Each structure stands twice: as structure tokens, then as C-alpha cells.
């Protein structure tokens, strides 16, 4: 065990590290699929998160360190880009709804039109 992660406060410190989030994202799809046995719910997109298990190989290959450094150094740019993408997605989905609201084949306006706007 690493000395800085010993004890209760050390465990809390580890909880917010990059590798603990990778571990959670690698294991979480199994439990989400297991806990949602309802038919009709497609959880295959969640199972795609299992690919994050590759990031556990960081201890063997240092190439992921470069990837982590790039994400850390460009976090502001990536945050702004993600926010702009979400704003544009909602804007154009709303425009699509306004243009298609009189269409008899249009789905209900409870938010499904946002999902349909994804190509």
C-alpha cells in the first residue's frame, strides 16, 4: 500500500484520483446491466465503457501517462468544447422540434426529440 493512501483520509484521497475513477468506470457497466433486468432497456452503450479497463494498464505502459497529461493540460478547452456541444445540441434539437411539431409522425415533446437529433 502507498503510505499516503493509508487510513480513512487516505482512502478518501484515493477516491478522487484518476485511477479510482477508471476502476469505477470499468466495473460500473456490469452492475448497471445486472441491476436493470427490465426488458426494453438497451444497456449496450454502458457496456462499451468496459473499454476503460485498458487504462488500468498504466502501470505497465507509460503511454497512458502522456494521454493523462494531455487531458489535464487541456481540461479548460475540453470543458468549453463539451459545454458548447451540449448547448448546440439542445438548440438545434429545439429548432427541429419547432419545425416538425405539426408533423403527425413527430414523437411526443417530452424530450425524446433530443435523443432523435443524434445522428
C-alpha atoms as a PDB file:
ATOM      1  CA  UNK A   1       0.000   0.000   0.000  1.00  0.00           C
ATOM      2  CA  UNK A   2       1.129   3.521  -0.685  1.00  0.00           C
ATOM      3  CA  UNK A   3       1.649   5.446   2.548  1.00  0.00           C
ATOM      4  CA  UNK A   4      -0.372   8.493   1.516  1.00  0.00           C
ATOM      5  CA  UNK A   5      -3.491   6.340   0.973  1.00  0.00           C
ATOM      6  CA  UNK A   6      -3.476   4.714   4.411  1.00  0.00           C
ATOM      7  CA  UNK A   7      -6.204   5.372   6.919  1.00  0.00           C
ATOM      8  CA  UNK A   8      -9.619   6.883   6.407  1.00  0.00           C
ATOM      9  CA  UNK A   9      -8.425  10.214   4.997  1.00  0.00           C
ATOM     10  CA  UNK A  10      -6.051   8.370   2.668  1.00  0.00           C
ATOM     11  CA  UNK A  11      -8.944   6.293   1.337  1.00  0.00           C
ATOM     12  CA  UNK A  12     -10.919   9.467   0.728  1.00  0.00           C
ATOM     13  CA  UNK A  13      -7.939  10.975  -1.071  1.00  0.00           C
ATOM     14  CA  UNK A  14      -7.705   7.898  -3.321  1.00  0.00           C
ATOM     15  CA  UNK A  15     -11.428   8.076  -4.055  1.00  0.00           C
ATOM     16  CA  UNK A  16     -10.960  11.175  -6.217  1.00  0.00           C
ATOM     17  CA  UNK A  17      -7.858  10.100  -8.120  1.00  0.00           C
ATOM     18  CA  UNK A  18      -7.828   9.318 -11.825  1.00  0.00           C
ATOM     19  CA  UNK A  19      -7.273   5.594 -11.295  1.00  0.00           C
ATOM     20  CA  UNK A  20     -10.133   5.160  -8.866  1.00  0.00           C
ATOM     21  CA  UNK A  21     -12.493   6.750 -11.377  1.00  0.00           C
ATOM     22  CA  UNK A  22     -11.118   4.428 -14.083  1.00  0.00           C
ATOM     23  CA  UNK A  23     -11.699   1.447 -11.786  1.00  0.00           C
ATOM     24  CA  UNK A  24     -15.265   2.564 -11.120  1.00  0.00           C
ATOM     25  CA  UNK A  25     -15.989   3.149 -14.811  1.00  0.00           C
ATOM     26  CA  UNK A  26     -14.607  -0.286 -15.672  1.00  0.00           C
ATOM     27  CA  UNK A  27     -16.752  -2.127 -13.126  1.00  0.00           C
ATOM     28  CA  UNK A  28     -19.914   0.005 -13.179  1.00  0.00           C
ATOM     29  CA  UNK A  29     -21.333  -1.317 -16.516  1.00  0.00           C
ATOM     30  CA  UNK A  30     -21.621  -4.822 -15.085  1.00  0.00           C
ATOM     31  CA  UNK A  31     -23.643  -3.661 -12.101  1.00  0.00           C
ATOM     32  CA  UNK A  32     -25.853  -1.323 -14.128  1.00  0.00           C
ATOM     33  CA  UNK A  33     -26.688  -4.165 -16.522  1.00  0.00           C
ATOM     34  CA  UNK A  34     -27.211  -6.555 -13.635  1.00  0.00           C
ATOM     35  CA  UNK A  35     -29.452  -4.172 -11.679  1.00  0.00           C
ATOM     36  CA  UNK A  36     -31.642  -3.229 -14.664  1.00  0.00           C
ATOM     37  CA  UNK A  37     -33.151  -6.536 -15.803  1.00  0.00           C
ATOM     38  CA  UNK A  38     -36.130  -4.712 -17.296  1.00  0.00           C
ATOM     39  CA  UNK A  39     -36.787  -5.764 -20.860  1.00  0.00           C
ATOM     40  CA  UNK A  40     -36.695  -2.997 -23.455  1.00  0.00           C
ATOM     41  CA  UNK A  41     -33.863  -1.008 -21.872  1.00  0.00           C
ATOM     42  CA  UNK A  42     -30.772  -1.112 -24.052  1.00  0.00           C
ATOM     43  CA  UNK A  43     -27.639  -1.051 -21.917  1.00  0.00           C
ATOM     44  CA  UNK A  44     -25.122  -1.869 -24.629  1.00  0.00           C
ATOM     45  CA  UNK A  45     -23.837   1.715 -24.611  1.00  0.00           C
ATOM     46  CA  UNK A  46     -22.959   1.287 -20.950  1.00  0.00           C
ATOM     47  CA  UNK A  47     -21.131  -1.956 -21.687  1.00  0.00           C
ATOM     48  CA  UNK A  48     -18.913  -0.005 -24.082  1.00  0.00           C
ATOM     49  CA  UNK A  49     -17.406   1.654 -21.007  1.00  0.00           C
ATOM     50  CA  UNK A  50     -15.667  -1.649 -20.307  1.00  0.00           C
ATOM     51  CA  UNK A  51     -13.052  -0.476 -22.753  1.00  0.00           C
ATOM     52  CA  UNK A  52     -11.836   1.802 -19.984  1.00  0.00           C
ATOM     53  CA  UNK A  53     -10.223  -1.265 -18.435  1.00  0.00           C
ATOM     54  CA  UNK A  54      -7.357  -0.616 -20.829  1.00  0.00           C
ATOM     55  CA  UNK A  55      -6.464   2.407 -18.726  1.00  0.00           C
ATOM     56  CA  UNK A  56      -5.597   0.022 -15.897  1.00  0.00           C
ATOM     57  CA  UNK A  57      -2.570  -0.964 -17.952  1.00  0.00           C
ATOM     58  CA  UNK A  58      -0.996   2.348 -16.940  1.00  0.00           C
ATOM     59  CA  UNK A  59       1.258   0.562 -14.508  1.00  0.00           C
ATOM     60  CA  UNK A  60       2.725  -1.482 -17.368  1.00  0.00           C
ATOM     61  CA  UNK A  61       2.789   1.053 -20.199  1.00  0.00           C
ATOM     62  CA  UNK A  62       3.687   4.704 -19.709  1.00  0.00           C
ATOM     63  CA  UNK A  63       1.918   5.823 -22.906  1.00  0.00           C
ATOM     64  CA  UNK A  64      -1.239   6.430 -20.891  1.00  0.00           C
ATOM     65  CA  UNK A  65       0.654   8.952 -18.782  1.00  0.00           C
ATOM     66  CA  UNK A  66       1.014  11.131 -21.865  1.00  0.00           C
ATOM     67  CA  UNK A  67      -2.726  10.788 -22.516  1.00  0.00           C
ATOM     68  CA  UNK A  68      -3.494  11.769 -18.920  1.00  0.00           C
ATOM     69  CA  UNK A  69      -1.152  14.769 -19.167  1.00  0.00           C
ATOM     70  CA  UNK A  70      -2.847  15.949 -22.365  1.00  0.00           C
ATOM     71  CA  UNK A  71      -6.276  15.712 -20.752  1.00  0.00           C
ATOM     72  CA  UNK A  72      -5.072  17.551 -17.665  1.00  0.00           C
ATOM     73  CA  UNK A  73      -3.312  20.327 -19.594  1.00  0.00           C
ATOM     74  CA  UNK A  74      -6.275  20.899 -21.921  1.00  0.00           C
ATOM     75  CA  UNK A  75      -9.099  20.463 -19.423  1.00  0.00           C
ATOM     76  CA  UNK A  76     -10.314  24.046 -19.843  1.00  0.00           C
ATOM     77  CA  UNK A  77     -10.510  23.765 -23.625  1.00  0.00           C
ATOM     78  CA  UNK A  78     -12.208  20.363 -23.406  1.00  0.00           C
ATOM     79  CA  UNK A  79     -14.730  21.652 -20.863  1.00  0.00           C
ATOM     80  CA  UNK A  80     -15.658  24.644 -23.032  1.00  0.00           C
ATOM     81  CA  UNK A  81     -15.914  22.427 -26.102  1.00  0.00           C
ATOM     82  CA  UNK A  82     -18.159  19.941 -24.310  1.00  0.00           C
ATOM     83  CA  UNK A  83     -20.370  22.724 -22.968  1.00  0.00           C
ATOM     84  CA  UNK A  84     -20.659  24.285 -26.429  1.00  0.00           C
ATOM     85  CA  UNK A  85     -21.555  20.883 -27.905  1.00  0.00           C
ATOM     86  CA  UNK A  86     -24.355  20.377 -25.366  1.00  0.00           C
ATOM     87  CA  UNK A  87     -25.715  23.901 -25.913  1.00  0.00           C
ATOM     88  CA  UNK A  88     -25.683  23.454 -29.693  1.00  0.00           C
ATOM     89  CA  UNK A  89     -27.293  20.035 -29.391  1.00  0.00           C
ATOM     90  CA  UNK A  90     -30.174  21.424 -27.313  1.00  0.00           C
ATOM     91  CA  UNK A  91     -30.521  24.467 -29.590  1.00  0.00           C
ATOM     92  CA  UNK A  92     -30.739  22.501 -32.823  1.00  0.00           C
ATOM     93  CA  UNK A  93     -32.976  19.847 -31.245  1.00  0.00           C
ATOM     94  CA  UNK A  94     -35.348  22.625 -30.202  1.00  0.00           C
ATOM     95  CA  UNK A  95     -35.272  24.072 -33.715  1.00  0.00           C
ATOM     96  CA  UNK A  96     -36.002  20.608 -35.099  1.00  0.00           C
ATOM     97  CA  UNK A  97     -38.967  20.274 -32.748  1.00  0.00           C
ATOM     98  CA  UNK A  98     -40.332  23.695 -33.687  1.00  0.00           C
ATOM     99  CA  UNK A  99     -40.101  22.873 -37.377  1.00  0.00           C
ATOM    100  CA  UNK A 100     -41.572  19.387 -37.035  1.00  0.00           C
ATOM    101  CA  UNK A 101     -44.177  19.868 -34.287  1.00  0.00           C
ATOM    102  CA  UNK A 102     -47.093  19.781 -36.752  1.00  0.00           C
ATOM    103  CA  UNK A 103     -45.854  16.598 -38.345  1.00  0.00           C
ATOM    104  CA  UNK A 104     -48.216  13.719 -37.402  1.00  0.00           C
ATOM    105  CA  UNK A 105     -45.262  11.337 -37.222  1.00  0.00           C
ATOM    106  CA  UNK A 106     -43.446  13.554 -34.702  1.00  0.00           C
ATOM    107  CA  UNK A 107     -42.839  11.981 -31.328  1.00  0.00           C
ATOM    108  CA  UNK A 108     -44.119  13.484 -28.103  1.00  0.00           C
ATOM    109  CA  UNK A 109     -42.414  16.669 -26.835  1.00  0.00           C
ATOM    110  CA  UNK A 110     -41.209  15.135 -23.556  1.00  0.00           C
ATOM    111  CA  UNK A 111     -37.572  15.075 -24.550  1.00  0.00           C
ATOM    112  CA  UNK A 112     -37.417  12.181 -26.983  1.00  0.00           C
ATOM    113  CA  UNK A 113     -36.707  14.675 -29.771  1.00  0.00           C
ATOM    114  CA  UNK A 114     -33.306  15.362 -28.187  1.00  0.00           C
ATOM    115  CA  UNK A 115     -32.425  11.705 -28.494  1.00  0.00           C
ATOM    116  CA  UNK A 116     -33.659  11.580 -32.081  1.00  0.00           C
ATOM    117  CA  UNK A 117     -31.472  14.519 -33.052  1.00  0.00           C
ATOM    118  CA  UNK A 118     -28.352  12.417 -32.545  1.00  0.00           C
ATOM    119  CA  UNK A 119     -27.202  11.206 -35.981  1.00  0.00           C
END
